[in-house]
Amino acid sequence: MKQYLNTRTIIGTVVVLFLIFWLIGVYWSVEPDTFDVRQAVAEQAPSPSQTEIPGYTMTTTMIVVTETLLDKPGGYISNDVMPPGLFLDNMPAWEYGALEMIRDLSLSMRKDFSRSQSQSIENPHLTKAQPEFNVNSRSWALPSAESSYRNGIKSLDKYRAELGDMAAGDSQFYTRADNLREWLKQVEKRLGSYSQRLSASVGSSKMNTDLAGDKNARQSTPAVSERVVQTSWWKLDDNFYEARGATWALLHFLKAAEIEFADTLEDKNALVSLRQIIRELEATQQTVWSPMILNGNGFGMMANHSLVMANYISRANAALIELTELLNQG
């Protein structure tokens, strides 16, 4: 009888722990809402005039996005080594997607936005910030990912504080069309990759076009002329949430760019193009009502969430390509 009671106690404890971990996991998997960029910048600015300084809005938006990544419900969980974070995969994928966009922007901030020309000196604060964001996303000690990313935020904050300061002439932000175009080219490649990975959810035959357009081009190893590309069943939701996290972060960065580069975009007659991209990205953040990411056939009975996401991203990427062409025109 005593042994029977001990067994029931153990089973009951396991069930209770499972339910607790499951509820916490559900709460931690809730994605952050989008925020109003203008309002977020106004709340952090010491005075209204500060928001008019070139670079202040973009830098603040980058800081707020990174802080949201670290301070959302459950905090940053990609490097958790204890349950329930250890058993979650959708939110770590979302975090990685947002982090990739932060990394791309931090690199462009360092080598393009803050420099007047190719021969100019890099900003010391951005030189420190950019490597901090490239620390392994799953590193949990010496250093931990969170501590490195917070150090990056501190360096961005120092850079932002010096913008507009006459005594700190080395901290500048240039709202030129060529600077914006260089960053958008990186975004193009990122969105193109997400679109292809999401579209591969149903599997398709793909022709090898790696060397198309240049008959003298070569590649390191031979490749088949045609192959079937299909995402593993285990990676479907990871790809979906990674793309969702990336588009969440990019949406805010582009809204900041709309403010920072308003004059440049109007001069190139490209403001409407940017707003169309923002609208497509806003559609990627609609609520997912299904309890799981479905992978129905393209014209089947069930939905395919990956294809829907790929559609919005492809349309945003097509508009992005047109925007970079407009920025390239004199």
Protein backbone atom coordinates (compact mmCIF):
# COMPACT_ATOMS: atom_id res chain seq x y z
CA MET A 1 0.00 0.00 0.00
CA LYS A 2 2.82 2.38 0.88
CA GLN A 3 4.59 1.62 -2.37
CA TYR A 4 1.34 2.25 -4.28
CA LEU A 5 0.94 5.66 -2.62
CA ASN A 6 4.56 6.58 -3.42
CA THR A 7 4.00 5.67 -7.06
CA ARG A 8 0.86 7.81 -7.21
CA THR A 9 2.72 10.70 -5.60
CA ILE A 10 5.53 10.48 -8.14
CA ILE A 11 3.11 10.31 -11.07
CA GLY A 12 1.06 13.19 -9.67
CA THR A 13 4.18 15.32 -9.20
CA VAL A 14 5.33 14.63 -12.76
CA VAL A 15 1.91 15.56 -14.15
CA VAL A 16 1.78 18.79 -12.14
CA LEU A 17 5.31 19.76 -13.23
CA PHE A 18 4.42 19.01 -16.84
CA LEU A 19 1.35 21.24 -16.67
CA ILE A 20 3.32 24.05 -15.02
CA PHE A 21 6.10 23.84 -17.62
CA TRP A 22 3.51 23.68 -20.42
CA LEU A 23 1.68 26.80 -19.20
CA ILE A 24 4.94 28.70 -18.76
CA GLY A 25 6.05 27.56 -22.21
CA VAL A 26 2.83 28.82 -23.78
CA TYR A 27 3.26 32.21 -22.05
CA TRP A 28 6.90 32.47 -23.10
CA SER A 29 5.97 31.64 -26.71
CA VAL A 30 3.73 34.70 -27.07
CA GLU A 31 5.34 36.98 -29.67
CA PRO A 32 5.86 40.67 -28.84
CA ASP A 33 3.42 43.09 -30.43
CA THR A 34 4.58 45.67 -32.93
CA PHE A 35 5.15 49.12 -31.48
CA ASP A 36 4.76 52.68 -32.72
CA VAL A 37 8.22 53.83 -33.78
CA ARG A 38 7.52 57.54 -33.42
CA GLN A 39 6.10 57.08 -29.94
CA ALA A 40 8.99 54.85 -28.83
CA VAL A 41 11.52 57.43 -30.05
CA ALA A 42 9.64 60.31 -28.41
CA GLU A 43 9.57 58.47 -25.07
CA GLN A 44 13.35 58.01 -25.06
CA ALA A 45 14.30 61.45 -26.38
CA PRO A 46 15.32 63.99 -23.70
CA SER A 47 13.66 66.73 -25.76
CA PRO A 48 11.43 66.87 -28.88
CA SER A 49 14.21 68.54 -30.88
CA GLN A 50 16.42 65.51 -30.29
CA THR A 51 14.21 63.35 -32.52
CA GLU A 52 14.99 65.61 -35.48
CA ILE A 53 18.69 64.75 -35.38
CA PRO A 54 19.65 62.41 -38.27
CA GLY A 55 20.24 58.90 -36.97
CA TYR A 56 18.42 59.33 -33.67
CA THR A 57 15.27 57.53 -34.82
CA MET A 58 17.08 54.63 -36.49
CA THR A 59 19.43 54.09 -33.55
CA THR A 60 16.62 54.29 -31.00
CA THR A 61 14.51 51.84 -32.97
CA MET A 62 17.41 49.40 -33.08
CA ILE A 63 17.85 49.75 -29.32
CA VAL A 64 14.13 49.21 -28.61
CA VAL A 65 13.94 46.17 -30.92
CA THR A 66 16.95 44.59 -29.21
CA GLU A 67 15.62 45.39 -25.74
CA THR A 68 12.29 43.80 -26.68
CA LEU A 69 14.16 40.70 -27.82
CA LEU A 70 15.82 40.45 -24.40
CA ASP A 71 13.00 41.63 -22.11
CA LYS A 72 9.87 40.02 -23.58
CA PRO A 73 7.94 37.42 -21.49
CA GLY A 74 10.46 34.77 -20.46
CA GLY A 75 13.35 36.96 -21.55
CA TYR A 76 15.82 35.65 -24.10
CA ILE A 77 15.40 31.87 -24.20
CA SER A 78 17.51 30.68 -27.16
CA ASN A 79 20.37 29.75 -24.84
CA ASP A 80 18.28 28.28 -21.99
CA VAL A 81 19.70 25.04 -20.60
CA MET A 82 16.83 24.35 -18.20
CA PRO A 83 13.15 23.59 -18.84
CA PRO A 84 10.81 24.86 -20.03
CA GLY A 85 12.96 27.05 -22.27
CA LEU A 86 15.12 24.05 -23.17
CA PHE A 87 12.13 22.34 -24.81
CA LEU A 88 10.83 25.33 -26.77
CA ASP A 89 11.79 25.79 -30.42
CA ASN A 90 9.35 28.27 -31.99
CA MET A 91 10.38 31.26 -29.87
CA PRO A 92 14.15 30.60 -30.24
CA ALA A 93 13.58 30.51 -34.01
CA TRP A 94 11.67 33.82 -33.78
CA GLU A 95 14.50 35.31 -31.73
CA TYR A 96 17.11 34.19 -34.25
CA GLY A 97 15.21 35.78 -37.14
CA ALA A 98 14.97 39.12 -35.31
CA LEU A 99 18.62 38.84 -34.33
CA GLU A 100 19.69 38.35 -37.94
CA MET A 101 18.02 41.63 -38.91
CA ILE A 102 19.69 43.39 -35.97
CA ARG A 103 23.05 42.02 -37.10
CA ASP A 104 22.52 43.21 -40.68
CA LEU A 105 21.56 46.70 -39.56
CA SER A 106 24.42 46.96 -37.05
CA LEU A 107 26.88 46.10 -39.82
CA SER A 108 25.38 48.74 -42.13
CA MET A 109 25.41 51.27 -39.29
CA ARG A 110 29.11 50.59 -38.81
CA LYS A 111 30.29 50.59 -42.43
CA ASP A 112 27.74 52.79 -44.25
CA PHE A 113 25.34 55.00 -42.30
CA SER A 114 27.98 56.46 -39.96
CA ARG A 115 30.66 57.04 -42.60
CA SER A 116 30.85 59.87 -45.13
CA GLN A 117 32.99 57.91 -47.60
CA SER A 118 34.96 54.66 -47.96
CA GLN A 119 38.14 56.26 -46.64
CA SER A 120 36.58 57.70 -43.50
CA ILE A 121 37.21 56.32 -40.00
CA GLU A 122 34.68 53.95 -38.41
CA ASN A 123 32.75 55.18 -35.41
CA PRO A 124 34.36 53.67 -32.26
CA HIS A 125 31.02 52.94 -30.55
CA LEU A 126 29.59 51.13 -33.57
CA THR A 127 32.87 49.26 -33.99
CA LYS A 128 32.31 47.84 -30.49
CA ALA A 129 28.56 47.28 -30.89
CA GLN A 130 28.58 45.28 -34.12
CA PRO A 131 30.72 42.33 -32.88
CA GLU A 132 28.67 42.11 -29.68
CA PHE A 133 25.54 41.30 -31.69
CA ASN A 134 27.40 38.53 -33.54
CA VAL A 135 28.05 36.43 -30.45
CA ASN A 136 26.58 32.93 -30.82
CA SER A 137 22.84 33.15 -30.11
CA ARG A 138 22.98 29.96 -28.00
CA SER A 139 25.99 30.94 -25.89
CA TRP A 140 24.99 30.79 -22.22
CA ALA A 141 28.31 31.46 -20.46
CA LEU A 142 31.62 33.29 -20.93
CA PRO A 143 30.09 35.36 -22.40
CA SER A 144 26.37 34.79 -22.42
CA ALA A 145 24.41 35.97 -25.43
CA GLU A 146 22.29 38.31 -23.28
CA SER A 147 25.27 40.07 -21.73
CA SER A 148 26.91 40.57 -25.12
CA TYR A 149 23.75 41.97 -26.69
CA ARG A 150 23.26 44.34 -23.74
CA ASN A 151 26.83 45.53 -24.20
CA GLY A 152 25.93 46.21 -27.82
CA ILE A 153 22.95 48.26 -26.66
CA LYS A 154 25.21 50.29 -24.36
CA SER A 155 27.53 51.09 -27.26
CA LEU A 156 24.56 52.11 -29.41
CA ASP A 157 23.34 54.34 -26.60
CA LYS A 158 26.73 56.08 -26.43
CA TYR A 159 26.67 56.59 -30.19
CA ARG A 160 23.13 58.00 -30.00
CA ALA A 161 24.11 60.37 -27.17
CA GLU A 162 26.87 61.86 -29.31
CA LEU A 163 24.66 62.44 -32.36
CA GLY A 164 24.08 66.16 -32.66
CA ASP A 165 26.77 66.91 -30.08
CA MET A 166 29.11 69.51 -31.57
CA ALA A 167 31.91 68.32 -29.30
CA ALA A 168 31.63 64.77 -30.62
CA GLY A 169 32.19 65.23 -34.33
CA ASP A 170 33.11 61.58 -34.91
CA SER A 171 29.54 60.41 -34.32
CA GLN A 172 27.57 61.09 -37.46
CA PHE A 173 24.67 59.56 -39.40
CA TYR A 174 24.38 60.30 -43.11
CA THR A 175 20.94 60.05 -44.70
CA ARG A 176 22.22 59.47 -48.22
CA ALA A 177 20.54 57.34 -50.86
CA ASP A 178 23.63 55.19 -51.42
CA ASN A 179 23.86 54.35 -47.70
CA LEU A 180 20.22 53.28 -47.61
CA ARG A 181 20.62 51.28 -50.82
CA GLU A 182 23.56 49.28 -49.46
CA TRP A 183 21.56 48.18 -46.42
CA LEU A 184 18.49 47.35 -48.50
CA LYS A 185 20.61 45.10 -50.73
CA GLN A 186 21.47 43.02 -47.67
CA VAL A 187 17.79 42.91 -46.74
CA GLU A 188 16.95 41.72 -50.28
CA LYS A 189 19.20 38.68 -49.92
CA ARG A 190 17.82 37.89 -46.49
CA LEU A 191 14.19 38.05 -47.65
CA GLY A 192 15.00 36.06 -50.79
CA SER A 193 16.45 33.28 -48.66
CA TYR A 194 13.40 33.21 -46.37
CA SER A 195 11.06 33.10 -49.35
CA GLN A 196 12.87 30.12 -50.87
CA ARG A 197 13.02 28.20 -47.60
CA LEU A 198 9.34 28.77 -46.89
CA SER A 199 8.30 27.82 -50.43
CA ALA A 200 10.20 24.54 -50.09
CA SER A 201 7.63 23.39 -47.52
CA VAL A 202 5.70 21.52 -50.23
CA GLY A 203 8.75 20.37 -52.17
CA SER A 204 9.47 21.32 -55.77
CA SER A 205 11.81 20.53 -58.62
CA LYS A 206 14.38 23.30 -58.99
CA MET A 207 16.58 23.95 -62.02
CA ASN A 208 20.16 24.93 -61.32
CA THR A 209 20.50 28.60 -62.29
CA ASP A 210 23.59 29.32 -60.22
CA LEU A 211 25.70 30.26 -63.26
CA ALA A 212 22.95 31.73 -65.43
CA GLY A 213 23.84 34.89 -67.33
CA ASP A 214 27.61 34.34 -67.50
CA LYS A 215 28.93 31.59 -69.78
CA ASN A 216 32.46 31.96 -68.38
CA ALA A 217 31.41 31.65 -64.72
CA ARG A 218 32.54 28.61 -62.75
CA GLN A 219 31.82 27.11 -59.33
CA SER A 220 33.93 25.15 -56.87
CA THR A 221 32.24 21.75 -57.28
CA PRO A 222 29.90 20.37 -59.97
CA ALA A 223 26.16 20.46 -59.27
CA VAL A 224 23.22 18.57 -60.76
CA SER A 225 21.12 20.43 -63.31
CA GLU A 226 17.88 19.68 -61.49
CA ARG A 227 17.06 18.67 -57.93
CA VAL A 228 14.08 18.35 -55.62
CA VAL A 229 14.06 20.85 -52.75
CA GLN A 230 11.86 20.16 -49.74
CA THR A 231 12.03 21.34 -46.15
CA SER A 232 12.20 18.66 -43.48
CA TRP A 233 8.92 18.19 -41.60
CA TRP A 234 10.78 18.99 -38.37
CA LYS A 235 11.98 22.36 -39.70
CA LEU A 236 8.68 23.73 -41.02
CA ASP A 237 7.65 25.63 -37.90
CA ASP A 238 11.23 26.75 -37.22
CA ASN A 239 11.51 28.32 -40.69
CA PHE A 240 8.10 29.93 -40.29
CA TYR A 241 8.86 31.55 -36.93
CA GLU A 242 12.36 32.58 -37.94
CA ALA A 243 10.89 34.44 -40.92
CA ARG A 244 8.20 35.91 -38.67
CA GLY A 245 10.79 37.22 -36.21
CA ALA A 246 12.91 38.67 -39.01
CA THR A 247 9.98 40.48 -40.62
CA TRP A 248 8.89 41.79 -37.19
CA ALA A 249 12.27 43.45 -36.67
CA LEU A 250 12.57 44.61 -40.29
CA LEU A 251 9.12 46.19 -40.15
CA HIS A 252 10.24 48.54 -37.39
CA PHE A 253 13.58 49.30 -39.06
CA LEU A 254 11.86 50.27 -42.31
CA LYS A 255 9.41 52.50 -40.43
CA ALA A 256 12.43 54.22 -38.88
CA ALA A 257 14.02 54.53 -42.32
CA GLU A 258 10.83 56.14 -43.62
CA ILE A 259 11.30 58.87 -41.01
CA GLU A 260 15.07 59.23 -41.32
CA PHE A 261 15.23 59.24 -45.13
CA ALA A 262 11.95 61.05 -45.83
CA ASP A 263 13.60 63.83 -47.86
CA THR A 264 15.78 61.41 -49.81
CA LEU A 265 12.86 59.11 -50.58
CA GLU A 266 10.67 62.01 -51.71
CA ASP A 267 13.48 63.31 -53.93
CA LYS A 268 13.70 59.86 -55.58
CA ASN A 269 9.88 59.56 -55.69
CA ALA A 270 10.30 56.34 -53.71
CA LEU A 271 8.33 57.02 -50.54
CA VAL A 272 5.25 55.18 -51.78
CA SER A 273 7.38 52.15 -52.66
CA LEU A 274 8.73 51.96 -49.12
CA ARG A 275 5.24 52.26 -47.66
CA GLN A 276 4.09 49.37 -49.85
CA ILE A 277 6.90 47.20 -48.47
CA ILE A 278 5.87 48.14 -44.94
CA ARG A 279 2.27 47.18 -45.71
CA GLU A 280 3.34 43.74 -46.99
CA LEU A 281 5.46 43.16 -43.88
CA GLU A 282 2.59 44.20 -41.62
CA ALA A 283 0.58 41.35 -43.16
CA THR A 284 3.22 38.86 -41.99
CA GLN A 285 2.43 39.77 -38.39
CA GLN A 286 -1.22 38.77 -38.47
CA THR A 287 -2.38 36.46 -35.69
CA VAL A 288 -1.83 32.75 -36.30
CA TRP A 289 -5.06 31.16 -35.13
CA SER A 290 -3.99 27.58 -35.72
CA PRO A 291 -2.43 25.75 -32.73
CA MET A 292 0.27 24.46 -35.08
CA ILE A 293 1.87 25.45 -38.37
CA LEU A 294 0.01 23.53 -41.06
CA ASN A 295 1.68 22.21 -44.20
CA GLY A 296 -1.12 21.44 -46.63
CA ASN A 297 -0.54 21.16 -50.36
CA GLY A 298 -0.64 24.28 -52.46
CA PHE A 299 -4.20 23.65 -53.65
CA GLY A 300 -5.16 21.10 -51.00
CA MET A 301 -7.88 21.02 -48.37
CA MET A 302 -5.65 22.29 -45.54
CA ALA A 303 -3.82 25.59 -45.24
CA ASN A 304 -0.09 25.96 -45.77
CA HIS A 305 1.11 28.72 -43.48
CA SER A 306 4.62 28.64 -44.93
CA LEU A 307 3.34 29.42 -48.44
CA VAL A 308 1.21 32.28 -47.13
CA MET A 309 4.23 33.76 -45.35
CA ALA A 310 6.38 33.21 -48.44
CA ASN A 311 3.82 35.10 -50.53
CA TYR A 312 3.96 38.21 -48.36
CA ILE A 313 7.75 38.09 -48.14
CA SER A 314 8.15 37.61 -51.90
CA ARG A 315 5.92 40.58 -52.62
CA ALA A 316 7.84 42.70 -50.12
CA ASN A 317 11.13 41.60 -51.68
CA ALA A 318 9.92 42.42 -55.20
CA ALA A 319 8.95 45.90 -54.05
CA LEU A 320 12.30 46.19 -52.27
CA ILE A 321 14.17 45.46 -55.50
CA GLU A 322 12.20 48.20 -57.24
CA LEU A 323 12.99 50.58 -54.38
CA THR A 324 16.74 49.98 -54.64
CA GLU A 325 16.53 50.68 -58.37
CA LEU A 326 14.79 53.98 -57.69
CA LEU A 327 17.47 54.92 -55.15
CA ASN A 328 20.13 54.12 -57.74
CA GLN A 329 18.70 56.62 -60.22
CA GLY A 330 20.08 60.11 -60.34
